[in-house]
C-alpha atoms as a PDB file:
ATOM      1  CA  MET A   1      80.158  14.486-160.961  1.00  0.00           C
ATOM      2  CA  SER A   2      77.781  16.730-159.054  1.00  0.00           C
ATOM      3  CA  HIS A   3      76.624  20.097-160.484  1.00  0.00           C
ATOM      4  CA  PHE A   4      75.571  21.290-157.077  1.00  0.00           C
ATOM      5  CA  ASN A   5      78.768  22.411-155.452  1.00  0.00           C
ATOM      6  CA  LEU A   6      78.323  23.693-151.986  1.00  0.00           C
ATOM      7  CA  LYS A   7      80.450  26.841-152.712  1.00  0.00           C
ATOM      8  CA  SER A   8      78.382  27.661-155.781  1.00  0.00           C
ATOM      9  CA  LEU A   9      75.055  27.230-153.960  1.00  0.00           C
ATOM     10  CA  LEU A  10      76.463  29.448-151.090  1.00  0.00           C
ATOM     11  CA  PHE A  11      77.618  32.119-153.629  1.00  0.00           C
ATOM     12  CA  TYR A  12      74.320  32.228-155.450  1.00  0.00           C
ATOM     13  CA  GLY A  13      72.373  32.290-152.127  1.00  0.00           C
ATOM     14  CA  VAL A  14      74.391  35.224-150.902  1.00  0.00           C
ATOM     15  CA  ALA A  15      74.086  37.132-154.224  1.00  0.00           C
ATOM     16  CA  ILE A  16      70.265  36.684-154.457  1.00  0.00           C
ATOM     17  CA  GLY A  17      69.943  37.563-150.690  1.00  0.00           C
ATOM     18  CA  SER A  18      71.858  40.773-151.221  1.00  0.00           C
ATOM     19  CA  VAL A  19      69.801  41.891-154.075  1.00  0.00           C
ATOM     20  CA  VAL A  20      66.577  41.281-152.200  1.00  0.00           C
ATOM     21  CA  LEU A  21      67.830  43.206-149.185  1.00  0.00           C
ATOM     22  CA  LEU A  22      69.054  45.994-151.286  1.00  0.00           C
ATOM     23  CA  PHE A  23      65.666  46.225-153.131  1.00  0.00           C
ATOM     24  CA  LYS A  24      63.725  46.199-149.785  1.00  0.00           C
ATOM     25  CA  GLY A  25      66.047  49.017-148.367  1.00  0.00           C
ATOM     26  CA  VAL A  26      65.706  51.235-151.434  1.00  0.00           C
ATOM     27  CA  THR A  27      61.898  50.729-151.544  1.00  0.00           C
ATOM     28  CA  ALA A  28      61.548  51.535-147.824  1.00  0.00           C
ATOM     29  CA  TRP A  29      63.634  54.669-148.227  1.00  0.00           C
ATOM     30  CA  GLY A  30      61.649  55.838-151.309  1.00  0.00           C
ATOM     31  CA  GLU A  31      58.294  55.271-149.662  1.00  0.00           C
ATOM     32  CA  THR A  32      59.395  57.485-146.705  1.00  0.00           C
ATOM     33  CA  SER A  33      61.529  60.144-148.368  1.00  0.00           C
ATOM     34  CA  LEU A  34      60.134  60.663-151.776  1.00  0.00           C
ATOM     35  CA  LYS A  35      56.767  62.435-152.101  1.00  0.00           C
ATOM     36  CA  ALA A  36      54.967  63.484-155.289  1.00  0.00           C
ATOM     37  CA  ALA A  37      54.230  67.230-155.742  1.00  0.00           C
ATOM     38  CA  PRO A  38      50.691  67.993-154.644  1.00  0.00           C
ATOM     39  CA  PRO A  39      48.247  68.809-157.508  1.00  0.00           C
ATOM     40  CA  ILE A  40      47.864  72.413-158.168  1.00  0.00           C
ATOM     41  CA  HIS A  41      46.562  72.324-161.894  1.00  0.00           C
ATOM     42  CA  GLY A  42      43.513  74.297-162.656  1.00  0.00           C
ATOM     43  CA  ARG A  43      42.264  77.720-163.161  1.00  0.00           C
ATOM     44  CA  TYR A  44      43.081  80.569-160.747  1.00  0.00           C
ATOM     45  CA  ARG A  45      41.066  83.750-160.896  1.00  0.00           C
ATOM     46  CA  ILE A  46      43.451  86.693-160.193  1.00  0.00           C
ATOM     47  CA  ASP A  47      42.188  89.924-158.434  1.00  0.00           C
ATOM     48  CA  ALA A  48      43.371  92.450-161.069  1.00  0.00           C
ATOM     49  CA  LYS A  49      42.781  95.646-159.028  1.00  0.00           C
ATOM     50  CA  ASN A  50      46.355  96.400-158.436  1.00  0.00           C
ATOM     51  CA  LEU A  51      48.142  94.675-161.273  1.00  0.00           C
ATOM     52  CA  PRO A  52      50.655  96.629-163.417  1.00  0.00           C
ATOM     53  CA  GLY A  53      50.344  98.268-166.752  1.00  0.00           C
ATOM     54  CA  CYS A  54      48.396  96.327-169.388  1.00  0.00           C
ATOM     55  CA  LEU A  55      47.283  93.748-166.938  1.00  0.00           C
ATOM     56  CA  LYS A  56      44.916  95.924-164.913  1.00  0.00           C
ATOM     57  CA  ALA A  57      42.501  96.534-167.784  1.00  0.00           C
ATOM     58  CA  GLU A  58      41.242  92.984-167.801  1.00  0.00           C
ATOM     59  CA  SER A  59      39.911  90.298-165.445  1.00  0.00           C
ATOM     60  CA  LEU A  60      42.509  87.484-165.590  1.00  0.00           C
ATOM     61  CA  VAL A  61      42.722  83.759-165.143  1.00  0.00           C
ATOM     62  CA  LEU A  62      45.955  81.888-164.716  1.00  0.00           C
ATOM     63  CA  GLU A  63      45.466  78.360-166.270  1.00  0.00           C
ATOM     64  CA  ILE A  64      47.920  75.827-164.968  1.00  0.00           C
ATOM     65  CA  GLN A  65      48.747  72.415-166.301  1.00  0.00           C
ATOM     66  CA  GLN A  66      51.030  70.155-164.168  1.00  0.00           C
ATOM     67  CA  SER A  67      53.197  67.107-164.664  1.00  0.00           C
ATOM     68  CA  GLY A  68      54.874  66.450-161.315  1.00  0.00           C
ATOM     69  CA  ILE A  69      56.992  69.452-160.475  1.00  0.00           C
ATOM     70  CA  TYR A  70      56.922  70.811-164.129  1.00  0.00           C
ATOM     71  CA  LEU A  71      54.302  73.437-164.975  1.00  0.00           C
ATOM     72  CA  ASN A  72      52.803  74.853-168.208  1.00  0.00           C
ATOM     73  CA  GLY A  73      50.290  77.610-168.278  1.00  0.00           C
ATOM     74  CA  SER A  74      48.724  80.712-169.792  1.00  0.00           C
ATOM     75  CA  LEU A  75      47.563  84.073-168.517  1.00  0.00           C
ATOM     76  CA  LEU A  76      44.117  84.470-170.063  1.00  0.00           C
ATOM     77  CA  PRO A  77      41.339  87.041-169.987  1.00  0.00           C
ATOM     78  CA  SER A  78      38.439  85.605-168.020  1.00  0.00           C
ATOM     79  CA  ASN A  79      35.824  86.796-170.564  1.00  0.00           C
ATOM     80  CA  LYS A  80      37.576  85.383-173.631  1.00  0.00           C
ATOM     81  CA  THR A  81      35.137  84.134-176.228  1.00  0.00           C
ATOM     82  CA  LYS A  82      37.383  81.209-177.253  1.00  0.00           C
ATOM     83  CA  THR A  83      37.301  78.682-174.413  1.00  0.00           C
ATOM     84  CA  PRO A  84      40.442  78.750-172.312  1.00  0.00           C
ATOM     85  CA  GLU A  85      40.846  75.013-172.546  1.00  0.00           C
ATOM     86  CA  LYS A  86      41.273  75.389-176.335  1.00  0.00           C
ATOM     87  CA  ILE A  87      43.801  78.349-175.897  1.00  0.00           C
ATOM     88  CA  VAL A  88      45.810  76.267-173.418  1.00  0.00           C
ATOM     89  CA  THR A  89      45.917  73.120-175.556  1.00  0.00           C
ATOM     90  CA  GLU A  90      47.031  75.119-178.539  1.00  0.00           C
ATOM     91  CA  LYS A  91      50.145  76.458-176.877  1.00  0.00           C
ATOM     92  CA  PRO A  92      50.705  77.416-173.314  1.00  0.00           C
ATOM     93  CA  SER A  93      52.915  80.469-173.115  1.00  0.00           C
ATOM     94  CA  LEU A  94      54.333  80.071-169.575  1.00  0.00           C
ATOM     95  CA  THR A  95      56.658  77.305-168.249  1.00  0.00           C
ATOM     96  CA  GLY A  96      58.026  76.771-164.821  1.00  0.00           C
ATOM     97  CA  LYS A  97      58.479  74.613-161.727  1.00  0.00           C
ATOM     98  CA  PHE A  98      56.464  73.915-158.501  1.00  0.00           C
ATOM     99  CA  SER A  99      58.490  72.730-155.449  1.00  0.00           C
ATOM    100  CA  GLN A 100      57.800  72.866-151.772  1.00  0.00           C
ATOM    101  CA  GLN A 101      54.565  74.947-152.294  1.00  0.00           C
ATOM    102  CA  LYS A 102      56.640  77.553-154.268  1.00  0.00           C
ATOM    103  CA  LEU A 103      55.588  78.212-157.866  1.00  0.00           C
ATOM    104  CA  SER A 104      57.725  79.995-160.497  1.00  0.00           C
ATOM    105  CA  MET A 105      56.632  80.506-164.123  1.00  0.00           C
ATOM    106  CA  SER A 106      57.799  82.780-166.890  1.00  0.00           C
ATOM    107  CA  GLY A 107      57.160  83.303-170.541  1.00  0.00           C
ATOM    108  CA  ALA A 108      55.664  85.617-173.152  1.00  0.00           C
ATOM    109  CA  VAL A 109      52.152  87.108-172.695  1.00  0.00           C
ATOM    110  CA  SER A 110      50.538  85.811-175.872  1.00  0.00           C
ATOM    111  CA  HIS A 111      46.822  85.538-175.010  1.00  0.00           C
ATOM    112  CA  LEU A 112      46.255  89.154-173.909  1.00  0.00           C
ATOM    113  CA  THR A 113      45.851  91.522-176.746  1.00  0.00           C
ATOM    114  CA  SER A 114      46.797  94.554-174.469  1.00  0.00           C
ATOM    115  CA  CYS A 115      50.061  92.981-173.425  1.00  0.00           C
ATOM    116  CA  GLN A 116      51.520  91.614-176.647  1.00  0.00           C
ATOM    117  CA  ASN A 117      55.341  91.190-176.896  1.00  0.00           C
ATOM    118  CA  GLN A 118      55.732  91.429-173.088  1.00  0.00           C
ATOM    119  CA  PHE A 119      57.630  88.967-170.906  1.00  0.00           C
ATOM    120  CA  LEU A 120      55.953  87.881-167.685  1.00  0.00           C
ATOM    121  CA  THR A 121      57.331  86.246-164.440  1.00  0.00           C
ATOM    122  CA  ILE A 122      54.992  84.845-161.875  1.00  0.00           C
ATOM    123  CA  GLN A 123      56.304  83.654-158.375  1.00  0.00           C
ATOM    124  CA  GLY A 124      54.424  82.711-155.340  1.00  0.00           C
ATOM    125  CA  ILE A 125      53.182  80.101-152.902  1.00  0.00           C
ATOM    126  CA  VAL A 126      50.178  77.807-153.305  1.00  0.00           C
ATOM    127  CA  ASP A 127      48.386  77.023-150.163  1.00  0.00           C
ATOM    128  CA  GLY A 128      45.254  74.910-150.667  1.00  0.00           C
ATOM    129  CA  ASN A 129      43.050  76.817-153.131  1.00  0.00           C
ATOM    130  CA  THR A 130      44.816  80.093-152.710  1.00  0.00           C
ATOM    131  CA  PHE A 131      47.767  81.287-154.662  1.00  0.00           C
ATOM    132  CA  LYS A 132      49.683  84.419-153.267  1.00  0.00           C
ATOM    133  CA  GLY A 133      52.455  85.790-155.271  1.00  0.00           C
ATOM    134  CA  GLN A 134      54.147  88.391-157.402  1.00  0.00           C
ATOM    135  CA  ILE A 135      53.858  89.205-161.027  1.00  0.00           C
ATOM    136  CA  ASN A 136      56.354  91.078-162.943  1.00  0.00           C
ATOM    137  CA  LEU A 137      56.118  92.440-166.567  1.00  0.00           C
ATOM    138  CA  SER A 138      59.140  93.219-168.684  1.00  0.00           C
ATOM    139  CA  SER A 139      57.872  96.851-169.137  1.00  0.00           C
ATOM    140  CA  ILE A 140      57.324  97.482-165.371  1.00  0.00           C
ATOM    141  CA  PRO A 141      60.421  97.545-163.132  1.00  0.00           C
ATOM    142  CA  LYS A 142      58.721  96.504-159.960  1.00  0.00           C
ATOM    143  CA  ALA A 143      56.946  93.223-159.103  1.00  0.00           C
ATOM    144  CA  VAL A 144      53.368  93.496-157.857  1.00  0.00           C
ATOM    145  CA  ASN A 145      51.692  91.359-155.234  1.00  0.00           C
ATOM    146  CA  PHE A 146      48.444  89.575-156.111  1.00  0.00           C
ATOM    147  CA  THR A 147      46.099  86.842-154.744  1.00  0.00           C
ATOM    148  CA  ALA A 148      44.336  84.336-156.901  1.00  0.00           C
ATOM    149  CA  GLN A 149      41.589  81.790-155.907  1.00  0.00           C
ATOM    150  CA  LYS A 150      41.304  78.400-157.604  1.00  0.00           C
ATOM    151  CA  GLU A 151      37.968  78.012-159.491  1.00  0.00           C
ATOM    152  CA  ALA A 152      35.895  74.974-158.756  1.00  0.00           C
ATOM    153  CA  THR A 153      35.866  72.464-161.664  1.00  0.00           C
ATOM    154  CA  ALA A 154      32.751  71.038-163.105  1.00  0.00           C
ATOM    155  CA  GLN A 155      33.354  67.743-161.123  1.00  0.00           C
ATOM    156  CA  GLN A 156      33.569  69.711-157.865  1.00  0.00           C
ATOM    157  CA  ILE A 157      30.304  71.550-158.573  1.00  0.00           C
ATOM    158  CA  GLU A 158      28.134  68.566-159.406  1.00  0.00           C
ATOM    159  CA  PRO A 159      25.901  67.494-156.401  1.00  0.00           C
ATOM    160  CA  LYS A 160      26.398  63.863-155.273  1.00  0.00           C
ATOM    161  CA  SER A 161      23.413  61.639-155.963  1.00  0.00           C
ATOM    162  CA  HIS A 162      22.215  59.271-153.315  1.00  0.00           C
END
C-alpha cells in the first residue's frame, strides 16, 4: 500500500504552485501600485502678516507629526517659552490626513492664548519644504491664504565631518 498516490501528489503540487503564483502576483502589484505617503512631519513657520483675527498677533509655527497618511499637530506661537516638542507630546490639538500632496487638519486652538475656544481648519498642498494653504477660524467666515516654510531640523543643520 503506497501513501504516494499520483492524484494526491498532483493535487498538492497544483495547490502549492497556485499559492506561490498568487503571492508573486500580489507582491508585484503592491510594489508598483502602493506607495507610502512622503514624509512631511516637522515644523512649518507661517507668515502671519495676513492671518485672520487672533492669529495675526503672533508669529506661528505649525508642528506636524505623521504616521502614514494620518496627521496630528499643533498651531504654536514661535516664541513660546515652553519647548514646542513638550507641548506637542502633551496633546496635539489638530488631527487630519495627508493624501496626494494635499493636507487637511482641524481641531481646537489650544496652545494660543489669544485664540482660546476657537475651532481651526487648515487645508493646503505640501510641495517640498513649502506648504501653501488656507486657514479658517470658527469666528471668521472667510478662509485666508498663507504660505509656510519648513524649518531645518538639528540633523539638517549639522555640518558633515570628513
